[in-house]
Amino acid sequence: MIRAMRTTLDLDDDVLQAIKEIASVRGQTAGKVASDLVRKGLEPPKRAAKVRNGVPLLQARPGQRLITMELVNRLRDDE
């Protein structure tokens, strides 16, 4: 069990407003929402995106066919 600790933080007005709005939608306290968001922000990135020629590559979904230049050229030529 995580023991809650009281402390005072100075938050920007827009950040506090966003936390309060999220808390209202979720039915949680602002403190719980703030803790969850900070905890999430402290996690290391899951995996850096691969980049080719300065463009991030999208992850292929299981079952999707691979788009190759050969396929693109064939589809273009069929038009």
Protein backbone atom coordinates (compact mmCIF):
# COMPACT_ATOMS: atom_id res chain seq x y z
CA MET A 1 0.00 0.00 0.00
CA ILE A 2 1.33 3.42 -0.91
CA ARG A 3 1.05 5.91 1.92
CA ALA A 4 -0.09 9.36 0.81
CA MET A 5 2.00 12.30 1.89
CA ARG A 6 0.73 15.84 2.11
CA THR A 7 2.82 18.56 0.55
CA THR A 8 2.35 21.91 -1.14
CA LEU A 9 3.12 22.38 -4.83
CA ASP A 10 2.97 25.53 -6.92
CA LEU A 11 1.30 24.56 -10.20
CA ASP A 12 0.59 26.73 -13.19
CA ASP A 13 -3.08 27.71 -13.36
CA ASP A 14 -3.66 25.87 -16.64
CA VAL A 15 -2.11 22.67 -15.27
CA LEU A 16 -4.24 22.78 -12.12
CA GLN A 17 -7.37 23.43 -14.20
CA ALA A 18 -6.59 20.44 -16.44
CA ILE A 19 -6.02 18.21 -13.40
CA LYS A 20 -9.32 19.31 -11.88
CA GLU A 21 -11.19 18.65 -15.14
CA ILE A 22 -9.67 15.18 -15.51
CA ALA A 23 -10.47 14.44 -11.86
CA SER A 24 -14.08 15.48 -12.37
CA VAL A 25 -14.50 13.27 -15.45
CA ARG A 26 -12.85 10.28 -13.76
CA GLY A 27 -14.55 10.77 -10.41
CA GLN A 28 -11.17 10.95 -8.67
CA THR A 29 -9.43 13.48 -6.49
CA ALA A 30 -7.08 16.03 -8.03
CA GLY A 31 -4.27 14.56 -5.94
CA LYS A 32 -4.85 11.07 -7.37
CA VAL A 33 -4.92 12.41 -10.94
CA ALA A 34 -1.77 14.48 -10.37
CA SER A 35 0.04 11.48 -8.86
CA ASP A 36 -0.97 9.25 -11.79
CA LEU A 37 0.15 11.83 -14.36
CA VAL A 38 3.49 12.45 -12.63
CA ARG A 39 4.09 8.71 -12.25
CA LYS A 40 3.36 8.22 -15.96
CA GLY A 41 5.70 11.08 -16.85
CA LEU A 42 8.50 9.48 -14.82
CA GLU A 43 8.31 6.17 -16.72
CA PRO A 44 11.09 5.62 -19.24
CA PRO A 45 9.96 5.76 -22.86
CA LYS A 46 8.61 2.41 -24.01
CA ARG A 47 10.63 2.35 -27.20
CA ALA A 48 12.13 4.99 -29.39
CA ALA A 49 10.53 5.19 -32.82
CA LYS A 50 12.69 4.19 -35.74
CA VAL A 51 13.48 7.10 -38.03
CA ARG A 52 14.39 6.98 -41.70
CA ASN A 53 15.44 10.14 -43.54
CA GLY A 54 14.16 12.21 -40.62
CA VAL A 55 10.67 10.66 -40.74
CA PRO A 56 9.43 8.45 -37.88
CA LEU A 57 8.40 5.01 -39.13
CA LEU A 58 5.03 3.62 -38.12
CA GLN A 59 4.79 0.22 -36.48
CA ALA A 60 3.19 -2.44 -38.71
CA ARG A 61 0.07 -4.01 -37.25
CA PRO A 62 -0.21 -7.79 -37.15
CA GLY A 63 -1.95 -9.14 -40.24
CA GLN A 64 -1.38 -6.06 -42.39
CA ARG A 65 0.43 -6.50 -45.65
CA LEU A 66 3.74 -4.77 -46.12
CA ILE A 67 3.66 -1.71 -48.37
CA THR A 68 6.68 -1.77 -50.68
CA MET A 69 7.75 0.49 -53.52
CA GLU A 70 7.01 -2.41 -55.86
CA LEU A 71 3.39 -2.49 -54.63
CA VAL A 72 3.08 1.30 -54.86
CA ASN A 73 4.44 1.30 -58.43
CA ARG A 74 2.15 -1.56 -59.46
CA LEU A 75 -0.93 0.18 -58.03
CA ARG A 76 0.07 3.45 -59.67
CA ASP A 77 0.60 1.76 -63.04
CA ASP A 78 -2.77 -0.02 -62.83
CA GLU A 79 -4.64 3.30 -62.79
